[in-house]
C-alpha atoms as a PDB file:
ATOM      1  CA  MET A   1      38.773  20.177   7.632  1.00  0.00           C
ATOM      2  CA  THR A   2      35.097  19.229   7.954  1.00  0.00           C
ATOM      3  CA  HIS A   3      34.095  15.570   8.207  1.00  0.00           C
ATOM      4  CA  HIS A   4      32.671  15.872   4.663  1.00  0.00           C
ATOM      5  CA  ALA A   5      35.997  17.144   3.252  1.00  0.00           C
ATOM      6  CA  LEU A   6      38.055  14.644   5.205  1.00  0.00           C
ATOM      7  CA  LEU A   7      35.970  11.715   4.021  1.00  0.00           C
ATOM      8  CA  TYR A   8      35.902  13.005   0.473  1.00  0.00           C
ATOM      9  CA  SER A   9      39.676  13.563   0.339  1.00  0.00           C
ATOM     10  CA  LYS A  10      40.169   9.898   1.175  1.00  0.00           C
ATOM     11  CA  LEU A  11      37.934   8.832  -1.681  1.00  0.00           C
ATOM     12  CA  CYS A  12      38.980  11.166  -4.468  1.00  0.00           C
ATOM     13  CA  ASN A  13      42.371  11.987  -6.032  1.00  0.00           C
ATOM     14  CA  CYS A  14      40.957  13.585  -9.188  1.00  0.00           C
ATOM     15  CA  GLY A  15      41.884  17.011 -10.631  1.00  0.00           C
ATOM     16  CA  ARG A  16      41.089  20.254  -8.800  1.00  0.00           C
ATOM     17  CA  LYS A  17      38.106  21.410 -10.919  1.00  0.00           C
ATOM     18  CA  VAL A  18      36.510  17.985 -10.950  1.00  0.00           C
ATOM     19  CA  ARG A  19      37.270  17.621  -7.254  1.00  0.00           C
ATOM     20  CA  ILE A  20      35.513  20.886  -6.358  1.00  0.00           C
ATOM     21  CA  LYS A  21      32.374  20.030  -8.357  1.00  0.00           C
ATOM     22  CA  SER A  22      32.340  16.482  -7.081  1.00  0.00           C
ATOM     23  CA  TYR A  23      32.871  17.648  -3.504  1.00  0.00           C
ATOM     24  CA  ILE A  24      29.781  19.866  -3.656  1.00  0.00           C
ATOM     25  CA  ALA A  25      27.669  16.932  -4.856  1.00  0.00           C
ATOM     26  CA  PHE A  26      29.273  14.597  -2.331  1.00  0.00           C
ATOM     27  CA  LYS A  27      28.709  17.043   0.537  1.00  0.00           C
ATOM     28  CA  LYS A  28      25.009  17.277  -0.337  1.00  0.00           C
ATOM     29  CA  TYR A  29      24.746  13.484  -0.485  1.00  0.00           C
ATOM     30  CA  SER A  30      26.626  13.120   2.799  1.00  0.00           C
ATOM     31  CA  GLU A  31      24.428  15.693   4.545  1.00  0.00           C
ATOM     32  CA  ASN A  32      21.314  13.843   3.423  1.00  0.00           C
ATOM     33  CA  MET A  33      22.719  10.642   4.868  1.00  0.00           C
ATOM     34  CA  TYR A  34      23.144  12.316   8.240  1.00  0.00           C
ATOM     35  CA  LYS A  35      19.587  13.641   8.337  1.00  0.00           C
ATOM     36  CA  GLU A  36      17.341  11.923  10.827  1.00  0.00           C
ATOM     37  CA  ILE A  37      14.610   9.855   9.185  1.00  0.00           C
ATOM     38  CA  THR A  38      11.115  10.568  10.449  1.00  0.00           C
ATOM     39  CA  ARG A  39       8.292   8.091   9.898  1.00  0.00           C
ATOM     40  CA  CYS A  40       4.600   7.928  10.648  1.00  0.00           C
ATOM     41  CA  GLN A  41       4.377   6.392  14.107  1.00  0.00           C
ATOM     42  CA  TRP A  42       2.046   3.556  13.149  1.00  0.00           C
ATOM     43  CA  CYS A  43       4.836   1.489  11.573  1.00  0.00           C
ATOM     44  CA  GLY A  44       6.833   1.397  14.827  1.00  0.00           C
ATOM     45  CA  SER A  45      10.249  -0.283  14.635  1.00  0.00           C
ATOM     46  CA  ASP A  46       9.301  -3.522  12.880  1.00  0.00           C
ATOM     47  CA  PRO A  47      11.626  -3.808   9.815  1.00  0.00           C
ATOM     48  CA  GLN A  48       8.904  -5.256   7.569  1.00  0.00           C
ATOM     49  CA  TYR A  49       6.427  -2.592   8.637  1.00  0.00           C
ATOM     50  CA  MET A  50       8.969   0.192   8.096  1.00  0.00           C
ATOM     51  CA  ASP A  51       9.876  -1.162   4.659  1.00  0.00           C
ATOM     52  CA  TYR A  52       6.199  -1.243   3.665  1.00  0.00           C
ATOM     53  CA  HIS A  53       5.724   2.295   5.012  1.00  0.00           C
ATOM     54  CA  ASP A  54       8.782   3.631   3.201  1.00  0.00           C
ATOM     55  CA  LYS A  55       8.271   1.965  -0.181  1.00  0.00           C
ATOM     56  CA  GLU A  56       4.547   1.373  -0.678  1.00  0.00           C
ATOM     57  CA  TRP A  57       2.104   3.050   1.687  1.00  0.00           C
ATOM     58  CA  GLY A  58       0.568   6.153   0.154  1.00  0.00           C
ATOM     59  CA  ARG A  59       2.179   5.678  -3.254  1.00  0.00           C
ATOM     60  CA  GLN A  60      -0.308   5.764  -6.110  1.00  0.00           C
ATOM     61  CA  VAL A  61      -1.135   2.390  -7.651  1.00  0.00           C
ATOM     62  CA  LYS A  62      -2.588   2.338 -11.148  1.00  0.00           C
ATOM     63  CA  ASP A  63      -2.397  -1.308 -12.244  1.00  0.00           C
ATOM     64  CA  ASP A  64      -5.398  -3.493 -11.537  1.00  0.00           C
ATOM     65  CA  ARG A  65      -3.392  -6.518 -10.414  1.00  0.00           C
ATOM     66  CA  THR A  66      -1.952  -4.588  -7.480  1.00  0.00           C
ATOM     67  CA  LEU A  67      -5.324  -3.001  -6.763  1.00  0.00           C
ATOM     68  CA  PHE A  68      -6.786  -6.511  -6.604  1.00  0.00           C
ATOM     69  CA  GLU A  69      -3.935  -7.654  -4.363  1.00  0.00           C
ATOM     70  CA  PHE A  70      -4.706  -4.958  -1.827  1.00  0.00           C
ATOM     71  CA  LEU A  71      -8.413  -5.684  -2.071  1.00  0.00           C
ATOM     72  CA  VAL A  72      -7.638  -9.288  -1.076  1.00  0.00           C
ATOM     73  CA  LEU A  73      -5.260  -8.280   1.708  1.00  0.00           C
ATOM     74  CA  GLU A  74      -7.351  -5.475   3.158  1.00  0.00           C
ATOM     75  CA  SER A  75     -10.473  -7.642   3.161  1.00  0.00           C
ATOM     76  CA  ALA A  76      -8.533 -10.376   4.950  1.00  0.00           C
ATOM     77  CA  GLN A  77      -7.469  -7.804   7.522  1.00  0.00           C
ATOM     78  CA  ALA A  78     -11.030  -7.165   8.768  1.00  0.00           C
ATOM     79  CA  GLY A  79     -10.930  -7.608  12.555  1.00  0.00           C
ATOM     80  CA  LEU A  80      -7.136  -8.064  12.561  1.00  0.00           C
ATOM     81  CA  SER A  81      -4.033  -5.870  12.546  1.00  0.00           C
ATOM     82  CA  TRP A  82      -2.412  -4.964   9.232  1.00  0.00           C
ATOM     83  CA  ILE A  83       0.970  -6.377  10.278  1.00  0.00           C
ATOM     84  CA  THR A  84      -0.720  -9.768  10.772  1.00  0.00           C
ATOM     85  CA  ILE A  85      -1.665  -9.773   7.093  1.00  0.00           C
ATOM     86  CA  LEU A  86       1.555  -8.160   5.900  1.00  0.00           C
ATOM     87  CA  ARG A  87       3.565 -11.006   7.413  1.00  0.00           C
ATOM     88  CA  ARG A  88       1.412 -13.450   5.438  1.00  0.00           C
ATOM     89  CA  ARG A  89       1.595 -11.518   2.184  1.00  0.00           C
ATOM     90  CA  ALA A  90       3.801 -14.062   0.404  1.00  0.00           C
ATOM     91  CA  ALA A  91       1.484 -16.881   1.470  1.00  0.00           C
ATOM     92  CA  TYR A  92      -1.528 -14.976   0.125  1.00  0.00           C
ATOM     93  CA  GLN A  93       0.316 -14.395  -3.122  1.00  0.00           C
ATOM     94  CA  GLU A  94       0.861 -18.125  -3.503  1.00  0.00           C
ATOM     95  CA  ALA A  95      -2.635 -19.078  -2.336  1.00  0.00           C
ATOM     96  CA  PHE A  96      -4.365 -16.680  -4.705  1.00  0.00           C
ATOM     97  CA  ALA A  97      -2.475 -17.255  -7.962  1.00  0.00           C
ATOM     98  CA  ASN A  98      -0.160 -14.251  -7.653  1.00  0.00           C
ATOM     99  CA  PHE A  99      -3.338 -12.155  -7.407  1.00  0.00           C
ATOM    100  CA  ASP A 100      -4.439 -12.994 -10.928  1.00  0.00           C
ATOM    101  CA  VAL A 101      -8.091 -11.959 -10.754  1.00  0.00           C
ATOM    102  CA  ASP A 102      -9.142 -14.254 -13.622  1.00  0.00           C
ATOM    103  CA  GLN A 103      -7.738 -17.329 -11.917  1.00  0.00           C
ATOM    104  CA  VAL A 104      -9.127 -16.441  -8.494  1.00  0.00           C
ATOM    105  CA  ALA A 105     -12.566 -15.728  -9.958  1.00  0.00           C
ATOM    106  CA  ALA A 106     -12.570 -19.309 -11.288  1.00  0.00           C
ATOM    107  CA  TYR A 107     -11.784 -20.904  -7.912  1.00  0.00           C
ATOM    108  CA  THR A 108     -14.199 -23.632  -6.823  1.00  0.00           C
ATOM    109  CA  SER A 109     -15.278 -25.195  -3.545  1.00  0.00           C
ATOM    110  CA  LYS A 110     -12.281 -27.527  -3.840  1.00  0.00           C
ATOM    111  CA  HIS A 111      -9.974 -24.530  -3.763  1.00  0.00           C
ATOM    112  CA  VAL A 112     -11.778 -23.275  -0.668  1.00  0.00           C
ATOM    113  CA  ASP A 113     -11.277 -26.611   1.098  1.00  0.00           C
ATOM    114  CA  THR A 114      -7.586 -26.571   0.194  1.00  0.00           C
ATOM    115  CA  LEU A 115      -7.133 -23.011   1.415  1.00  0.00           C
ATOM    116  CA  LEU A 116      -8.834 -23.821   4.716  1.00  0.00           C
ATOM    117  CA  ASN A 117      -5.865 -26.097   5.382  1.00  0.00           C
ATOM    118  CA  ASP A 118      -3.296 -23.476   4.389  1.00  0.00           C
ATOM    119  CA  SER A 119      -1.512 -22.364   7.559  1.00  0.00           C
ATOM    120  CA  GLY A 120       0.038 -19.399   5.747  1.00  0.00           C
ATOM    121  CA  ILE A 121      -3.215 -17.457   5.398  1.00  0.00           C
ATOM    122  CA  ILE A 122      -6.133 -16.632   7.684  1.00  0.00           C
ATOM    123  CA  LYS A 123      -8.254 -19.800   7.691  1.00  0.00           C
ATOM    124  CA  HIS A 124     -11.629 -18.091   7.705  1.00  0.00           C
ATOM    125  CA  ARG A 125     -14.152 -19.689   5.349  1.00  0.00           C
ATOM    126  CA  ASN A 126     -16.247 -16.571   4.820  1.00  0.00           C
ATOM    127  CA  LYS A 127     -13.184 -14.477   4.013  1.00  0.00           C
ATOM    128  CA  ILE A 128     -11.825 -17.062   1.593  1.00  0.00           C
ATOM    129  CA  GLU A 129     -15.167 -17.458  -0.154  1.00  0.00           C
ATOM    130  CA  SER A 130     -15.653 -13.697  -0.274  1.00  0.00           C
ATOM    131  CA  THR A 131     -12.241 -13.308  -1.921  1.00  0.00           C
ATOM    132  CA  ILE A 132     -13.471 -15.481  -4.778  1.00  0.00           C
ATOM    133  CA  THR A 133     -16.764 -13.593  -4.981  1.00  0.00           C
ATOM    134  CA  ASN A 134     -14.927 -10.264  -4.838  1.00  0.00           C
ATOM    135  CA  ALA A 135     -12.715 -11.413  -7.718  1.00  0.00           C
ATOM    136  CA  GLN A 136     -15.791 -12.137  -9.827  1.00  0.00           C
ATOM    137  CA  LEU A 137     -17.250  -8.741  -8.969  1.00  0.00           C
ATOM    138  CA  PHE A 138     -13.886  -7.060  -9.618  1.00  0.00           C
ATOM    139  CA  LYS A 139     -14.037  -8.413 -13.178  1.00  0.00           C
ATOM    140  CA  LYS A 140     -17.555  -7.068 -13.636  1.00  0.00           C
ATOM    141  CA  VAL A 141     -16.384  -3.625 -12.552  1.00  0.00           C
ATOM    142  CA  GLN A 142     -13.498  -3.852 -15.021  1.00  0.00           C
ATOM    143  CA  ALA A 143     -15.923  -4.737 -17.813  1.00  0.00           C
ATOM    144  CA  GLU A 144     -18.198  -1.816 -16.935  1.00  0.00           C
ATOM    145  CA  TYR A 145     -15.595   0.900 -16.298  1.00  0.00           C
ATOM    146  CA  GLY A 146     -12.624  -0.263 -18.356  1.00  0.00           C
ATOM    147  CA  SER A 147     -10.516  -0.879 -15.258  1.00  0.00           C
ATOM    148  CA  PHE A 148     -10.969  -1.078 -11.503  1.00  0.00           C
ATOM    149  CA  TYR A 149      -8.662   1.940 -11.245  1.00  0.00           C
ATOM    150  CA  ASP A 150     -11.023   4.020 -13.402  1.00  0.00           C
ATOM    151  CA  TYR A 151     -13.947   2.939 -11.237  1.00  0.00           C
ATOM    152  CA  LEU A 152     -12.255   3.945  -7.977  1.00  0.00           C
ATOM    153  CA  TYR A 153     -11.190   7.333  -9.262  1.00  0.00           C
ATOM    154  CA  THR A 154     -14.717   8.341 -10.226  1.00  0.00           C
ATOM    155  CA  PHE A 155     -15.148   8.991  -6.503  1.00  0.00           C
ATOM    156  CA  LEU A 156     -12.171  11.357  -6.171  1.00  0.00           C
ATOM    157  CA  PRO A 157     -12.252  15.110  -6.843  1.00  0.00           C
ATOM    158  CA  GLU A 158     -11.115  15.675 -10.434  1.00  0.00           C
ATOM    159  CA  LYS A 159     -10.130  11.974 -10.412  1.00  0.00           C
ATOM    160  CA  GLN A 160      -6.870  12.813  -8.655  1.00  0.00           C
ATOM    161  CA  PRO A 161      -5.276  11.448  -5.463  1.00  0.00           C
ATOM    162  CA  ILE A 162      -5.957  13.356  -2.267  1.00  0.00           C
ATOM    163  CA  ILE A 163      -2.847  14.756  -0.561  1.00  0.00           C
ATOM    164  CA  ASN A 164      -3.416  15.512   3.118  1.00  0.00           C
ATOM    165  CA  HIS A 165      -1.073  17.380   5.448  1.00  0.00           C
ATOM    166  CA  TRP A 166      -1.840  16.065   8.904  1.00  0.00           C
ATOM    167  CA  PRO A 167       0.386  17.488  11.684  1.00  0.00           C
ATOM    168  CA  SER A 168       0.058  14.312  13.735  1.00  0.00           C
ATOM    169  CA  LEU A 169      -1.087  10.709  13.502  1.00  0.00           C
ATOM    170  CA  GLN A 170      -3.966  11.417  15.867  1.00  0.00           C
ATOM    171  CA  GLN A 171      -5.598  13.655  13.263  1.00  0.00           C
ATOM    172  CA  VAL A 172      -5.652  11.034  10.503  1.00  0.00           C
ATOM    173  CA  PRO A 173      -9.266   9.806  10.137  1.00  0.00           C
ATOM    174  CA  ALA A 174     -10.411   6.187  10.078  1.00  0.00           C
ATOM    175  CA  THR A 175     -13.127   6.921   7.523  1.00  0.00           C
ATOM    176  CA  THR A 176     -14.208   9.799   5.286  1.00  0.00           C
ATOM    177  CA  THR A 177     -17.292  10.683   3.302  1.00  0.00           C
ATOM    178  CA  ILE A 178     -15.529   9.331   0.198  1.00  0.00           C
ATOM    179  CA  SER A 179     -14.692   5.983   1.821  1.00  0.00           C
ATOM    180  CA  ASP A 180     -18.326   5.843   2.962  1.00  0.00           C
ATOM    181  CA  LYS A 181     -19.501   6.327  -0.643  1.00  0.00           C
ATOM    182  CA  ILE A 182     -17.105   3.773  -2.118  1.00  0.00           C
ATOM    183  CA  ALA A 183     -17.874   1.159   0.557  1.00  0.00           C
ATOM    184  CA  ARG A 184     -21.597   1.705   0.134  1.00  0.00           C
ATOM    185  CA  ASP A 185     -21.390   1.385  -3.648  1.00  0.00           C
ATOM    186  CA  MET A 186     -19.226  -1.729  -3.460  1.00  0.00           C
ATOM    187  CA  LYS A 187     -21.568  -3.300  -0.920  1.00  0.00           C
ATOM    188  CA  LYS A 188     -24.422  -2.598  -3.322  1.00  0.00           C
ATOM    189  CA  LYS A 189     -22.446  -4.395  -6.027  1.00  0.00           C
ATOM    190  CA  GLY A 190     -22.024  -7.375  -3.691  1.00  0.00           C
ATOM    191  CA  PHE A 191     -18.462  -6.983  -2.339  1.00  0.00           C
ATOM    192  CA  LYS A 192     -17.857  -8.428   1.134  1.00  0.00           C
ATOM    193  CA  PHE A 193     -15.529  -7.493   3.995  1.00  0.00           C
ATOM    194  CA  PHE A 194     -15.095  -3.984   2.645  1.00  0.00           C
ATOM    195  CA  GLY A 195     -16.759  -1.527   4.995  1.00  0.00           C
ATOM    196  CA  SER A 196     -15.796   2.137   5.202  1.00  0.00           C
ATOM    197  CA  THR A 197     -12.892   1.617   7.639  1.00  0.00           C
ATOM    198  CA  ILE A 198     -11.336  -1.108   5.489  1.00  0.00           C
ATOM    199  CA  CYS A 199     -12.046   0.997   2.417  1.00  0.00           C
ATOM    200  CA  TYR A 200     -10.172   3.983   3.817  1.00  0.00           C
ATOM    201  CA  ALA A 201      -7.220   1.781   4.798  1.00  0.00           C
ATOM    202  CA  TYR A 202      -7.292   0.505   1.205  1.00  0.00           C
ATOM    203  CA  MET A 203      -7.326   4.063  -0.146  1.00  0.00           C
ATOM    204  CA  GLN A 204      -4.271   4.871   1.959  1.00  0.00           C
ATOM    205  CA  ALA A 205      -2.466   1.714   0.898  1.00  0.00           C
ATOM    206  CA  VAL A 206      -2.905   2.282  -2.846  1.00  0.00           C
ATOM    207  CA  GLY A 207      -2.251   6.005  -2.785  1.00  0.00           C
ATOM    208  CA  MET A 208      -5.749   7.231  -3.502  1.00  0.00           C
ATOM    209  CA  VAL A 209      -5.033   9.336  -0.445  1.00  0.00           C
ATOM    210  CA  ASN A 210      -1.612  10.293   0.937  1.00  0.00           C
ATOM    211  CA  ASP A 211      -1.862  10.368   4.725  1.00  0.00           C
ATOM    212  CA  HIS A 212       1.816  10.469   5.635  1.00  0.00           C
ATOM    213  CA  ILE A 213       2.090  13.091   8.384  1.00  0.00           C
ATOM    214  CA  ALA A 214       3.553  16.417   7.346  1.00  0.00           C
ATOM    215  CA  THR A 215       6.964  15.737   8.927  1.00  0.00           C
ATOM    216  CA  CYS A 216       7.352  12.208   7.508  1.00  0.00           C
ATOM    217  CA  SER A 217      10.505  11.770   5.428  1.00  0.00           C
ATOM    218  CA  PHE A 218       8.547   9.635   2.947  1.00  0.00           C
ATOM    219  CA  LYS A 219       5.629  11.964   2.281  1.00  0.00           C
END
């Protein structure tokens, strides 16, 4: 008796026909459990990093609140590692009104002073002030295009996510011509801390581009 049948026989005492059908489904489920999980190497073995990789990275985001959240987080990342920001994600959520763009856009100098004493986030005045400015600009983009999502997707071919099939992590680019265009246009609009490298990381994070390597179990 195979390990699938042995395990199943211990769990099921149902009738023969039901048992046969259920066994086939159970065997498939069991085999999937035994498959080795392959991830993109960049997430390493950190549980929080792996969870983010498995559940969020590369998955298409359509709601503006989440798009604003990643704009805040990716801009804060400039010059730092992503895991540094990811570990502070909850603190950023609290500091910036659960990423409500209307509330953040209304922040004043008093909010800035308060946030400069917040040990949970990166205490960088220019980044904090730019987050408020970026929120105000985010709203202007929404007013002009209907949503920030609609604005971003004007840059993509046929307004659809880009699905890449990289054989290895080393082949994944840091920037592309599209990230160059978006970053340049956003800089023209006044956005800060959003150069092409940060822009491409943002595109990956919100699923505008799927850069999971070809062998990744979560592609």
